[in-house]
C-alpha atoms as a PDB file:
ATOM      1  CA  MET A   1      25.209  12.859  -0.208  1.00  0.00           C
ATOM      2  CA  PRO A   2      21.784  12.875  -2.431  1.00  0.00           C
ATOM      3  CA  GLU A   3      19.573  15.046  -0.795  1.00  0.00           C
ATOM      4  CA  PRO A   4      16.683  13.196   1.413  1.00  0.00           C
ATOM      5  CA  ILE A   5      13.311  12.936  -0.253  1.00  0.00           C
ATOM      6  CA  THR A   6      10.490  10.863   0.150  1.00  0.00           C
ATOM      7  CA  ILE A   7       7.788   9.750  -1.967  1.00  0.00           C
ATOM      8  CA  ALA A   8       4.058   8.845  -0.620  1.00  0.00           C
ATOM      9  CA  THR A   9       0.620   7.649  -2.722  1.00  0.00           C
ATOM     10  CA  TRP A  10      -2.106   9.999  -2.997  1.00  0.00           C
ATOM     11  CA  PRO A  11      -3.202  12.812  -1.610  1.00  0.00           C
ATOM     12  CA  PHE A  12      -3.504  11.369   1.880  1.00  0.00           C
ATOM     13  CA  GLY A  13       0.296  10.555   1.249  1.00  0.00           C
ATOM     14  CA  ARG A  14       1.152  14.247   2.262  1.00  0.00           C
ATOM     15  CA  SER A  15       0.396  13.200   6.106  1.00  0.00           C
ATOM     16  CA  ALA A  16       3.169  10.746   5.347  1.00  0.00           C
ATOM     17  CA  VAL A  17       5.833  12.795   3.651  1.00  0.00           C
ATOM     18  CA  GLN A  18       5.399  15.033   6.102  1.00  0.00           C
ATOM     19  CA  ALA A  19       5.949  12.970   8.597  1.00  0.00           C
ATOM     20  CA  ALA A  20       8.593  11.631   7.126  1.00  0.00           C
ATOM     21  CA  MET A  21      10.261  14.537   6.348  1.00  0.00           C
ATOM     22  CA  LYS A  22      10.936  15.988  10.156  1.00  0.00           C
ATOM     23  CA  ALA A  23      12.538  12.316  10.728  1.00  0.00           C
ATOM     24  CA  LEU A  24      14.969  12.363   7.608  1.00  0.00           C
ATOM     25  CA  ALA A  25      15.490  16.415   8.982  1.00  0.00           C
ATOM     26  CA  LYS A  26      16.764  14.508  12.351  1.00  0.00           C
ATOM     27  CA  GLY A  27      19.175  12.005  11.279  1.00  0.00           C
ATOM     28  CA  GLU A  28      16.905   8.681  11.105  1.00  0.00           C
ATOM     29  CA  PRO A  29      17.252   6.322   8.183  1.00  0.00           C
ATOM     30  CA  ALA A  30      15.476   6.069   5.722  1.00  0.00           C
ATOM     31  CA  LEU A  31      13.158   2.989   7.645  1.00  0.00           C
ATOM     32  CA  ASP A  32      12.157   4.400  10.147  1.00  0.00           C
ATOM     33  CA  ALA A  33      10.930   7.975   8.282  1.00  0.00           C
ATOM     34  CA  ALA A  34       9.051   6.340   6.071  1.00  0.00           C
ATOM     35  CA  LEU A  35       7.321   3.911   9.441  1.00  0.00           C
ATOM     36  CA  ALA A  36       6.671   7.023  11.115  1.00  0.00           C
ATOM     37  CA  GLY A  37       5.572   8.433   7.563  1.00  0.00           C
ATOM     38  CA  ALA A  38       2.954   5.390   7.226  1.00  0.00           C
ATOM     39  CA  GLN A  39       1.648   5.838  10.514  1.00  0.00           C
ATOM     40  CA  ALA A  40       0.943   9.575   9.796  1.00  0.00           C
ATOM     41  CA  VAL A  41      -1.821   7.921   7.464  1.00  0.00           C
ATOM     42  CA  GLU A  42      -2.865   5.177   9.924  1.00  0.00           C
ATOM     43  CA  ASP A  43      -3.444   6.902  12.746  1.00  0.00           C
ATOM     44  CA  ASP A  44      -5.920   9.466  10.440  1.00  0.00           C
ATOM     45  CA  THR A  45      -9.062   8.211  11.033  1.00  0.00           C
ATOM     46  CA  SER A  46     -11.430  10.454   8.435  1.00  0.00           C
ATOM     47  CA  ILE A  47      -9.424   7.983   5.214  1.00  0.00           C
ATOM     48  CA  ARG A  48     -12.145   5.700   5.598  1.00  0.00           C
ATOM     49  CA  ASN A  49     -11.490   3.761   2.372  1.00  0.00           C
ATOM     50  CA  SER A  50      -8.078   2.851   2.305  1.00  0.00           C
ATOM     51  CA  VAL A  51      -5.679   2.743   4.882  1.00  0.00           C
ATOM     52  CA  GLY A  52      -5.709   1.910   8.944  1.00  0.00           C
ATOM     53  CA  PHE A  53      -8.711   2.665  12.006  1.00  0.00           C
ATOM     54  CA  GLY A  54     -12.232   3.621  10.328  1.00  0.00           C
ATOM     55  CA  SER A  55     -12.072   2.034   7.241  1.00  0.00           C
ATOM     56  CA  LEU A  56     -14.223   0.047   5.229  1.00  0.00           C
ATOM     57  CA  PRO A  57     -13.697  -3.287   6.428  1.00  0.00           C
ATOM     58  CA  ASP A  58     -14.665  -6.243   4.048  1.00  0.00           C
ATOM     59  CA  ARG A  59     -18.013  -8.570   3.436  1.00  0.00           C
ATOM     60  CA  LEU A  60     -18.850  -9.849   6.875  1.00  0.00           C
ATOM     61  CA  GLY A  61     -18.311  -6.164   8.562  1.00  0.00           C
ATOM     62  CA  ARG A  62     -14.170  -7.438   9.585  1.00  0.00           C
ATOM     63  CA  LEU A  63     -11.689  -4.717   9.410  1.00  0.00           C
ATOM     64  CA  THR A  64      -8.769  -6.356   8.488  1.00  0.00           C
ATOM     65  CA  LEU A  65      -5.063  -4.923   7.863  1.00  0.00           C
ATOM     66  CA  ASP A  66      -2.061  -5.238   5.889  1.00  0.00           C
ATOM     67  CA  ALA A  67       1.786  -3.659   5.467  1.00  0.00           C
ATOM     68  CA  CYS A  68       4.933  -4.604   5.178  1.00  0.00           C
ATOM     69  CA  LEU A  69       8.219  -2.730   4.468  1.00  0.00           C
ATOM     70  CA  MET A  70      11.816  -2.895   3.716  1.00  0.00           C
ATOM     71  CA  ASP A  71      15.323  -1.899   4.466  1.00  0.00           C
ATOM     72  CA  GLY A  72      17.227  -0.932   1.233  1.00  0.00           C
ATOM     73  CA  ARG A  73      20.478  -1.280   3.165  1.00  0.00           C
ATOM     74  CA  THR A  74      20.581  -4.960   4.339  1.00  0.00           C
ATOM     75  CA  LEU A  75      17.344  -6.053   2.805  1.00  0.00           C
ATOM     76  CA  ALA A  76      15.857  -6.795   5.909  1.00  0.00           C
ATOM     77  CA  CYS A  77      11.984  -6.937   5.744  1.00  0.00           C
ATOM     78  CA  GLY A  78       8.841  -8.074   7.160  1.00  0.00           C
ATOM     79  CA  ALA A  79       5.196  -8.146   6.873  1.00  0.00           C
ATOM     80  CA  VAL A  80       1.895  -8.475   8.314  1.00  0.00           C
ATOM     81  CA  ALA A  81      -1.605  -9.243   6.837  1.00  0.00           C
ATOM     82  CA  CYS A  82      -5.376  -9.579   7.840  1.00  0.00           C
ATOM     83  CA  VAL A  83      -4.629  -8.203  11.459  1.00  0.00           C
ATOM     84  CA  GLU A  84      -7.738  -7.536  13.427  1.00  0.00           C
ATOM     85  CA  HIS A  85      -7.566  -4.707  16.526  1.00  0.00           C
ATOM     86  CA  ILE A  86      -4.032  -3.588  16.378  1.00  0.00           C
ATOM     87  CA  ARG A  87      -3.877  -0.253  14.881  1.00  0.00           C
ATOM     88  CA  HIS A  88       0.118   0.085  13.765  1.00  0.00           C
ATOM     89  CA  VAL A  89       0.214  -2.669  11.178  1.00  0.00           C
ATOM     90  CA  ALA A  90       3.449  -1.015  10.341  1.00  0.00           C
ATOM     91  CA  ALA A  91       5.207  -0.968  13.820  1.00  0.00           C
ATOM     92  CA  LEU A  92       3.999  -4.670  13.630  1.00  0.00           C
ATOM     93  CA  ALA A  93       5.712  -6.041  10.414  1.00  0.00           C
ATOM     94  CA  LYS A  94       9.041  -3.936  11.591  1.00  0.00           C
ATOM     95  CA  ARG A  95       9.235  -5.823  15.176  1.00  0.00           C
ATOM     96  CA  VAL A  96       8.436  -8.931  12.263  1.00  0.00           C
ATOM     97  CA  MET A  97      11.452  -7.956  10.394  1.00  0.00           C
ATOM     98  CA  GLU A  98      13.670  -7.249  13.655  1.00  0.00           C
ATOM     99  CA  LYS A  99      12.227 -10.461  16.535  1.00  0.00           C
ATOM    100  CA  THR A 100      11.948 -13.149  14.561  1.00  0.00           C
ATOM    101  CA  PRO A 101      13.398 -15.231  11.496  1.00  0.00           C
ATOM    102  CA  HIS A 102      10.524 -14.423   9.133  1.00  0.00           C
ATOM    103  CA  VAL A 103       9.004 -12.694   7.040  1.00  0.00           C
ATOM    104  CA  LEU A 104       4.675 -12.867   6.495  1.00  0.00           C
ATOM    105  CA  LEU A 105       2.923 -13.118   9.881  1.00  0.00           C
ATOM    106  CA  VAL A 106      -1.014 -13.960   9.214  1.00  0.00           C
ATOM    107  CA  GLY A 107      -4.357 -12.944  10.432  1.00  0.00           C
ATOM    108  CA  GLU A 108      -4.467 -14.397  14.704  1.00  0.00           C
ATOM    109  CA  ALA A 109      -1.162 -14.994  15.080  1.00  0.00           C
ATOM    110  CA  ALA A 110      -0.109 -11.508  13.745  1.00  0.00           C
ATOM    111  CA  LYS A 111      -3.065 -10.324  16.271  1.00  0.00           C
ATOM    112  CA  TRP A 112      -0.760 -12.793  19.113  1.00  0.00           C
ATOM    113  CA  PHE A 113       2.394 -12.339  17.818  1.00  0.00           C
ATOM    114  CA  ALA A 114       1.452  -8.237  18.415  1.00  0.00           C
ATOM    115  CA  LEU A 115       0.169  -8.706  22.005  1.00  0.00           C
ATOM    116  CA  GLN A 116       2.774 -10.524  22.792  1.00  0.00           C
ATOM    117  CA  GLN A 117       5.395  -7.129  21.722  1.00  0.00           C
ATOM    118  CA  GLY A 118       2.718  -5.333  23.508  1.00  0.00           C
ATOM    119  CA  PHE A 119       1.061  -4.218  21.316  1.00  0.00           C
ATOM    120  CA  PRO A 120      -2.468  -2.854  22.506  1.00  0.00           C
ATOM    121  CA  LEU A 121      -5.810  -4.004  21.574  1.00  0.00           C
ATOM    122  CA  GLU A 122      -8.177  -1.144  20.147  1.00  0.00           C
ATOM    123  CA  VAL A 123     -11.653  -0.498  18.164  1.00  0.00           C
ATOM    124  CA  PRO A 124     -11.335  -0.146  14.990  1.00  0.00           C
ATOM    125  CA  TYR A 125     -14.769   1.144  13.663  1.00  0.00           C
ATOM    126  CA  THR A 126     -15.820   4.974  13.392  1.00  0.00           C
ATOM    127  CA  ALA A 127     -19.603   6.336  13.432  1.00  0.00           C
ATOM    128  CA  GLU A 128     -19.435   6.000   9.828  1.00  0.00           C
ATOM    129  CA  SER A 129     -17.070   3.344   8.721  1.00  0.00           C
ATOM    130  CA  ILE A 130     -20.128   1.680   9.757  1.00  0.00           C
ATOM    131  CA  LYS A 131     -22.725   3.441   8.848  1.00  0.00           C
ATOM    132  CA  GLU A 132     -21.063   3.359   5.472  1.00  0.00           C
ATOM    133  CA  TRP A 133     -20.865  -0.678   6.037  1.00  0.00           C
ATOM    134  CA  LEU A 134     -24.610  -0.660   6.340  1.00  0.00           C
ATOM    135  CA  ASP A 135     -25.855   1.642   3.641  1.00  0.00           C
ATOM    136  CA  ALA A 136     -23.902  -0.698   1.507  1.00  0.00           C
ATOM    137  CA  HIS A 137     -25.815  -3.731   2.523  1.00  0.00           C
ATOM    138  CA  PRO A 138     -29.870  -2.590   2.529  1.00  0.00           C
ATOM    139  CA  ASP A 139     -30.669  -6.865   3.098  1.00  0.00           C
ATOM    140  CA  LEU A 140     -28.738  -6.356   6.808  1.00  0.00           C
ATOM    141  CA  LYS A 141     -31.627  -3.944   7.348  1.00  0.00           C
ATOM    142  CA  LYS A 142     -35.240  -5.762   6.333  1.00  0.00           C
ATOM    143  CA  LYS A 143     -35.058  -8.510   9.273  1.00  0.00           C
ATOM    144  CA  GLY A 144     -36.579 -11.910   8.366  1.00  0.00           C
ATOM    145  CA  GLU A 145     -36.259 -11.364   4.660  1.00  0.00           C
ATOM    146  CA  LYS A 146     -33.564 -13.528   2.752  1.00  0.00           C
ATOM    147  CA  GLN A 147     -31.741 -11.585   0.380  1.00  0.00           C
ATOM    148  CA  PRO A 148     -30.435 -13.412  -2.805  1.00  0.00           C
ATOM    149  CA  GLU A 149     -26.147 -13.788  -2.683  1.00  0.00           C
ATOM    150  CA  LYS A 150     -24.257 -11.538  -4.408  1.00  0.00           C
ATOM    151  CA  PRO A 151     -22.369 -12.019  -6.939  1.00  0.00           C
ATOM    152  CA  ILE A 152     -18.962 -12.440  -6.860  1.00  0.00           C
ATOM    153  CA  ALA A 153     -16.232 -11.359  -9.933  1.00  0.00           C
ATOM    154  CA  ALA A 154     -13.095 -13.024 -11.618  1.00  0.00           C
ATOM    155  CA  ASP A 155     -11.132 -11.037  -9.006  1.00  0.00           C
ATOM    156  CA  GLY A 156     -12.719 -12.044  -6.382  1.00  0.00           C
ATOM    157  CA  ALA A 157     -14.991  -9.164  -5.356  1.00  0.00           C
ATOM    158  CA  SER A 158     -18.624  -8.483  -4.823  1.00  0.00           C
ATOM    159  CA  ASP A 159     -20.823  -6.756  -7.181  1.00  0.00           C
ATOM    160  CA  ILE A 160     -21.201  -4.522  -3.822  1.00  0.00           C
ATOM    161  CA  ASN A 161     -18.943  -0.764  -4.636  1.00  0.00           C
ATOM    162  CA  VAL A 162     -16.217  -3.054  -5.319  1.00  0.00           C
ATOM    163  CA  ASN A 163     -14.048  -1.066  -7.691  1.00  0.00           C
ATOM    164  CA  GLU A 164     -10.948   1.429  -8.545  1.00  0.00           C
ATOM    165  CA  PHE A 165     -12.799   3.471  -5.721  1.00  0.00           C
ATOM    166  CA  ASN A 166     -12.561   2.438  -3.246  1.00  0.00           C
ATOM    167  CA  HIS A 167      -9.883   1.179  -1.986  1.00  0.00           C
ATOM    168  CA  ASP A 168      -6.309   2.997  -2.084  1.00  0.00           C
ATOM    169  CA  THR A 169      -3.114   1.989  -0.379  1.00  0.00           C
ATOM    170  CA  VAL A 170      -0.826   5.014   1.032  1.00  0.00           C
ATOM    171  CA  THR A 171       2.643   3.873  -0.192  1.00  0.00           C
ATOM    172  CA  VAL A 172       5.781   5.255   1.903  1.00  0.00           C
ATOM    173  CA  LEU A 173       9.732   5.528  -0.043  1.00  0.00           C
ATOM    174  CA  SER A 174      12.404   7.159   1.588  1.00  0.00           C
ATOM    175  CA  LEU A 175      15.953   8.296   0.853  1.00  0.00           C
ATOM    176  CA  ASP A 176      18.125   9.110   3.748  1.00  0.00           C
ATOM    177  CA  ALA A 177      21.047  11.710   3.973  1.00  0.00           C
ATOM    178  CA  LYS A 178      23.365   8.498   3.818  1.00  0.00           C
ATOM    179  CA  GLY A 179      22.312   7.501  -0.027  1.00  0.00           C
ATOM    180  CA  HIS A 180      20.297   4.477   1.848  1.00  0.00           C
ATOM    181  CA  LEU A 181      17.087   3.624   0.799  1.00  0.00           C
ATOM    182  CA  GLY A 182      13.722   2.370   2.885  1.00  0.00           C
ATOM    183  CA  GLY A 183       9.645   1.630   2.075  1.00  0.00           C
ATOM    184  CA  VAL A 184       6.564   0.609   4.042  1.00  0.00           C
ATOM    185  CA  CYS A 185       3.555  -0.093   2.365  1.00  0.00           C
ATOM    186  CA  THR A 186       0.270  -0.279   4.270  1.00  0.00           C
ATOM    187  CA  THR A 187      -3.461  -0.646   3.509  1.00  0.00           C
ATOM    188  CA  SER A 188      -6.569  -1.866   4.784  1.00  0.00           C
ATOM    189  CA  GLY A 189      -6.605  -3.485   1.302  1.00  0.00           C
ATOM    190  CA  LEU A 190     -10.497  -3.383  -0.971  1.00  0.00           C
ATOM    191  CA  ALA A 191     -13.294  -2.731   0.595  1.00  0.00           C
ATOM    192  CA  TYR A 192     -16.271  -5.587   1.424  1.00  0.00           C
ATOM    193  CA  LYS A 193     -13.482  -7.418   0.227  1.00  0.00           C
ATOM    194  CA  LEU A 194     -13.973 -11.883   0.843  1.00  0.00           C
ATOM    195  CA  PRO A 195     -12.614 -12.625   4.197  1.00  0.00           C
ATOM    196  CA  GLY A 196      -9.314 -13.493   3.951  1.00  0.00           C
ATOM    197  CA  ARG A 197      -8.912 -12.052   1.158  1.00  0.00           C
ATOM    198  CA  VAL A 198      -5.120 -10.182   0.795  1.00  0.00           C
ATOM    199  CA  GLY A 199      -3.877  -7.914  -2.121  1.00  0.00           C
ATOM    200  CA  ASP A 200       0.289  -6.756  -2.928  1.00  0.00           C
ATOM    201  CA  SER A 201       0.763  -4.344   0.337  1.00  0.00           C
ATOM    202  CA  PRO A 202       2.065  -6.707   2.567  1.00  0.00           C
ATOM    203  CA  ILE A 203       3.293  -8.997  -0.099  1.00  0.00           C
ATOM    204  CA  ILE A 204       7.569  -8.178  -0.308  1.00  0.00           C
ATOM    205  CA  GLY A 205       7.893  -8.274  -3.998  1.00  0.00           C
ATOM    206  CA  ALA A 206       4.803  -6.913  -5.282  1.00  0.00           C
ATOM    207  CA  GLY A 207       3.349  -4.045  -3.451  1.00  0.00           C
ATOM    208  CA  LEU A 208       6.717  -3.371  -1.738  1.00  0.00           C
ATOM    209  CA  TYR A 209      10.456  -3.806  -3.252  1.00  0.00           C
ATOM    210  CA  VAL A 210      13.954  -1.583  -1.972  1.00  0.00           C
ATOM    211  CA  ASP A 211      16.908  -2.770  -2.432  1.00  0.00           C
ATOM    212  CA  ASP A 212      20.238  -0.015  -2.225  1.00  0.00           C
ATOM    213  CA  GLU A 213      21.645  -1.587  -5.054  1.00  0.00           C
ATOM    214  CA  ALA A 214      18.617  -0.637  -7.337  1.00  0.00           C
ATOM    215  CA  GLY A 215      16.372   1.819  -6.469  1.00  0.00           C
ATOM    216  CA  ALA A 216      12.701   1.683  -4.421  1.00  0.00           C
ATOM    217  CA  ALA A 217       9.683   1.273  -5.589  1.00  0.00           C
ATOM    218  CA  GLY A 218       6.136   0.798  -4.527  1.00  0.00           C
ATOM    219  CA  ALA A 219       2.645  -0.067  -5.520  1.00  0.00           C
ATOM    220  CA  THR A 220      -0.670   1.039  -4.977  1.00  0.00           C
ATOM    221  CA  GLY A 221      -4.392   0.304  -7.048  1.00  0.00           C
ATOM    222  CA  VAL A 222      -6.231  -3.414  -7.384  1.00  0.00           C
ATOM    223  CA  GLY A 223      -3.729  -6.376  -5.586  1.00  0.00           C
ATOM    224  CA  GLU A 224      -4.888  -8.646  -7.495  1.00  0.00           C
ATOM    225  CA  GLU A 225      -3.393  -7.677 -11.032  1.00  0.00           C
ATOM    226  CA  ILE A 226       0.054  -5.539  -9.394  1.00  0.00           C
ATOM    227  CA  ILE A 227       0.121  -9.811  -8.102  1.00  0.00           C
ATOM    228  CA  ARG A 228       0.214 -11.183 -11.278  1.00  0.00           C
ATOM    229  CA  ILE A 229       3.480  -8.975 -11.763  1.00  0.00           C
ATOM    230  CA  GLY A 230       5.264  -8.589  -9.360  1.00  0.00           C
ATOM    231  CA  GLY A 231       4.929  -5.323 -10.371  1.00  0.00           C
ATOM    232  CA  SER A 232       7.474  -3.089  -7.193  1.00  0.00           C
ATOM    233  CA  LEU A 233      10.160  -6.529  -7.495  1.00  0.00           C
ATOM    234  CA  PHE A 234      10.113  -5.296 -11.840  1.00  0.00           C
ATOM    235  CA  ILE A 235      10.175  -2.184 -11.601  1.00  0.00           C
ATOM    236  CA  ALA A 236      13.504  -2.570  -8.323  1.00  0.00           C
ATOM    237  CA  GLU A 237      15.151  -4.663 -11.732  1.00  0.00           C
ATOM    238  CA  GLN A 238      14.610  -2.676 -14.357  1.00  0.00           C
ATOM    239  CA  MET A 239      16.209   0.242 -12.746  1.00  0.00           C
ATOM    240  CA  ARG A 240      19.435  -2.530 -11.755  1.00  0.00           C
ATOM    241  CA  GLY A 241      19.649  -2.974 -15.249  1.00  0.00           C
ATOM    242  CA  GLY A 242      19.474   0.836 -16.171  1.00  0.00           C
ATOM    243  CA  LYS A 243      16.568   1.915 -16.940  1.00  0.00           C
ATOM    244  CA  SER A 244      15.584   4.980 -15.150  1.00  0.00           C
ATOM    245  CA  PRO A 245      12.631   5.568 -12.562  1.00  0.00           C
ATOM    246  CA  GLN A 246      10.189   6.714 -14.655  1.00  0.00           C
ATOM    247  CA  GLU A 247      11.327   4.100 -17.419  1.00  0.00           C
ATOM    248  CA  ALA A 248      10.626   1.600 -15.115  1.00  0.00           C
ATOM    249  CA  CYS A 249       7.820   2.477 -13.807  1.00  0.00           C
ATOM    250  CA  GLU A 250       6.196   3.085 -17.479  1.00  0.00           C
ATOM    251  CA  LEU A 251       7.104  -0.513 -17.983  1.00  0.00           C
ATOM    252  CA  ALA A 252       5.458  -2.267 -15.621  1.00  0.00           C
ATOM    253  CA  CYS A 253       2.390  -0.433 -16.526  1.00  0.00           C
ATOM    254  CA  LYS A 254       2.304  -1.479 -19.889  1.00  0.00           C
ATOM    255  CA  ARG A 255       3.039  -5.565 -18.545  1.00  0.00           C
ATOM    256  CA  ALA A 256       0.025  -4.515 -15.916  1.00  0.00           C
ATOM    257  CA  ASN A 257      -1.959  -3.395 -19.080  1.00  0.00           C
ATOM    258  CA  ALA A 258      -0.484  -6.483 -20.932  1.00  0.00           C
ATOM    259  CA  ALA A 259      -1.356  -9.353 -18.026  1.00  0.00           C
ATOM    260  CA  ALA A 260      -4.345  -7.538 -17.811  1.00  0.00           C
ATOM    261  CA  GLY A 261      -5.349  -7.974 -21.815  1.00  0.00           C
ATOM    262  CA  ARG A 262      -4.482 -12.103 -21.793  1.00  0.00           C
ATOM    263  CA  ARG A 263      -7.379 -12.649 -18.934  1.00  0.00           C
ATOM    264  CA  GLY A 264     -10.194  -9.868 -21.094  1.00  0.00           C
ATOM    265  CA  VAL A 265      -9.691  -7.117 -18.772  1.00  0.00           C
ATOM    266  CA  HIS A 266      -9.565  -3.454 -19.638  1.00  0.00           C
ATOM    267  CA  PRO A 267      -8.063  -1.816 -18.312  1.00  0.00           C
ATOM    268  CA  ALA A 268      -5.504  -2.779 -15.569  1.00  0.00           C
ATOM    269  CA  ARG A 269      -5.904  -0.002 -12.409  1.00  0.00           C
ATOM    270  CA  VAL A 270      -2.796   0.243 -10.942  1.00  0.00           C
ATOM    271  CA  ALA A 271       0.121   2.722  -9.929  1.00  0.00           C
ATOM    272  CA  PHE A 272       3.861   2.592  -9.367  1.00  0.00           C
ATOM    273  CA  LEU A 273       5.781   4.913  -7.768  1.00  0.00           C
ATOM    274  CA  ALA A 274       9.831   4.162  -8.303  1.00  0.00           C
ATOM    275  CA  LEU A 275      12.866   6.430  -6.447  1.00  0.00           C
ATOM    276  CA  ASP A 276      16.872   5.483  -6.985  1.00  0.00           C
ATOM    277  CA  ARG A 277      19.317   6.692  -4.891  1.00  0.00           C
ATOM    278  CA  LYS A 278      20.288   9.813  -6.910  1.00  0.00           C
ATOM    279  CA  GLY A 279      17.053  10.791  -5.362  1.00  0.00           C
ATOM    280  CA  ASN A 280      15.042  10.129  -9.101  1.00  0.00           C
ATOM    281  CA  VAL A 281      11.765   9.431  -8.117  1.00  0.00           C
ATOM    282  CA  GLY A 282       9.127   8.102 -11.213  1.00  0.00           C
ATOM    283  CA  ALA A 283       5.318   7.481 -10.911  1.00  0.00           C
ATOM    284  CA  ALA A 284       2.513   5.974 -13.948  1.00  0.00           C
ATOM    285  CA  ALA A 285      -0.552   4.871 -12.881  1.00  0.00           C
ATOM    286  CA  THR A 286      -3.053   2.765 -15.910  1.00  0.00           C
ATOM    287  CA  GLU A 287      -5.497   4.867 -17.746  1.00  0.00           C
ATOM    288  CA  LYS A 288      -8.467   6.502 -15.463  1.00  0.00           C
ATOM    289  CA  THR A 289      -6.507   6.154 -12.541  1.00  0.00           C
ATOM    290  CA  ASN A 290      -5.739  10.122 -11.524  1.00  0.00           C
ATOM    291  CA  PHE A 291      -3.394   8.962 -10.001  1.00  0.00           C
ATOM    292  CA  GLN A 292      -1.702  11.659  -7.557  1.00  0.00           C
ATOM    293  CA  TYR A 293       1.626  11.063  -5.346  1.00  0.00           C
ATOM    294  CA  ALA A 294       3.159  12.940  -2.884  1.00  0.00           C
ATOM    295  CA  VAL A 295       7.523  13.954  -3.196  1.00  0.00           C
ATOM    296  CA  GLY A 296       8.767  15.938  -0.441  1.00  0.00           C
ATOM    297  CA  ARG A 297      12.095  17.393  -0.703  1.00  0.00           C
ATOM    298  CA  GLY A 298      13.924  19.761   2.091  1.00  0.00           C
ATOM    299  CA  GLU A 299      10.761  21.526   3.503  1.00  0.00           C
ATOM    300  CA  LYS A 300       8.818  21.305   0.116  1.00  0.00           C
ATOM    301  CA  VAL A 301       5.703  18.910   0.193  1.00  0.00           C
ATOM    302  CA  GLU A 302       4.028  19.049  -3.463  1.00  0.00           C
ATOM    303  CA  LEU A 303       0.933  16.829  -4.865  1.00  0.00           C
ATOM    304  CA  LEU A 304       2.064  15.174  -8.742  1.00  0.00           C
ATOM    305  CA  LYS A 305      -0.041  14.352 -10.743  1.00  0.00           C
ATOM    306  CA  ALA A 306       1.626  11.100 -12.698  1.00  0.00           C
ATOM    307  CA  LYS A 307       1.878  10.037 -16.505  1.00  0.00           C
ATOM    308  CA  GLU A 308      -0.977   7.587 -17.123  1.00  0.00           C
ATOM    309  CA  ILE A 309       0.066   4.531 -19.903  1.00  0.00           C
ATOM    310  CA  GLY A 310      -3.289   3.055 -22.156  1.00  0.00           C
ATOM    311  CA  PRO A 311      -3.019  -0.381 -23.271  1.00  0.00           C
ATOM    312  CA  THR A 312      -1.181  -0.920 -26.809  1.00  0.00           C
ATOM    313  CA  ALA A 313      -2.732  -2.283 -29.756  1.00  0.00           C
END
């Protein structure tokens, strides 16, 4: 049997890996371990630009969260999107998987389901995140003075501090002692996004895909670019066809760059992780992403820099 392993996106993924590895050491299945890791990041309100409570809200000042998870043994999966006032949205996605015949619930209906399942309503804001939002909207400080509308870019974002540096996702992929895979993805999405915007993170096949017979893959970056190429499913199918996790991640980056090039948008801003049943790991990102990821084996957790893939001529 393979050695248990967990990988997670970005430097804050170290806390996710540590929590997941503790669960794996107790014999818990891969999905539960990955969920424990994701929840550790959801609970960290110091991560203000990407995951969980205390993150940066949308253009109206509302913080909405997205999450999904998938079990590689059975392909069971669940997801929620645009959820307000619920802290542990990854756990809520698991309830969708376990308690309903559906895969994805959204918005107020997802919150209603959360209340039915006993999740408490909580205030998701911190003083720091509110101050940062107000600083990004100086027009709100000028009462009575009408301000011009901010332009909307092709990707649906305004020009208010919307760039590749103010959104990150935690994706956690685990392999347990029985050789099964599980994965979780959770995020607050793009800071200052248009209300109702949903990226790749809660979409099975885009932000996450896990299949014991192929491998596990997850994504981070600009969700619209990941959705366009079906990023995580693409990587899983490449591994199913015999590619290594590293080769599959690099191919996904090339695909994202090509798709961005067709729209005249350079560079693509995406990164991918992959893990197979043998414990092989892959990671790649497009240029200037500075994507780092955490890897845990046994009691050792290390932070690695992903290979960057530039656009081809």
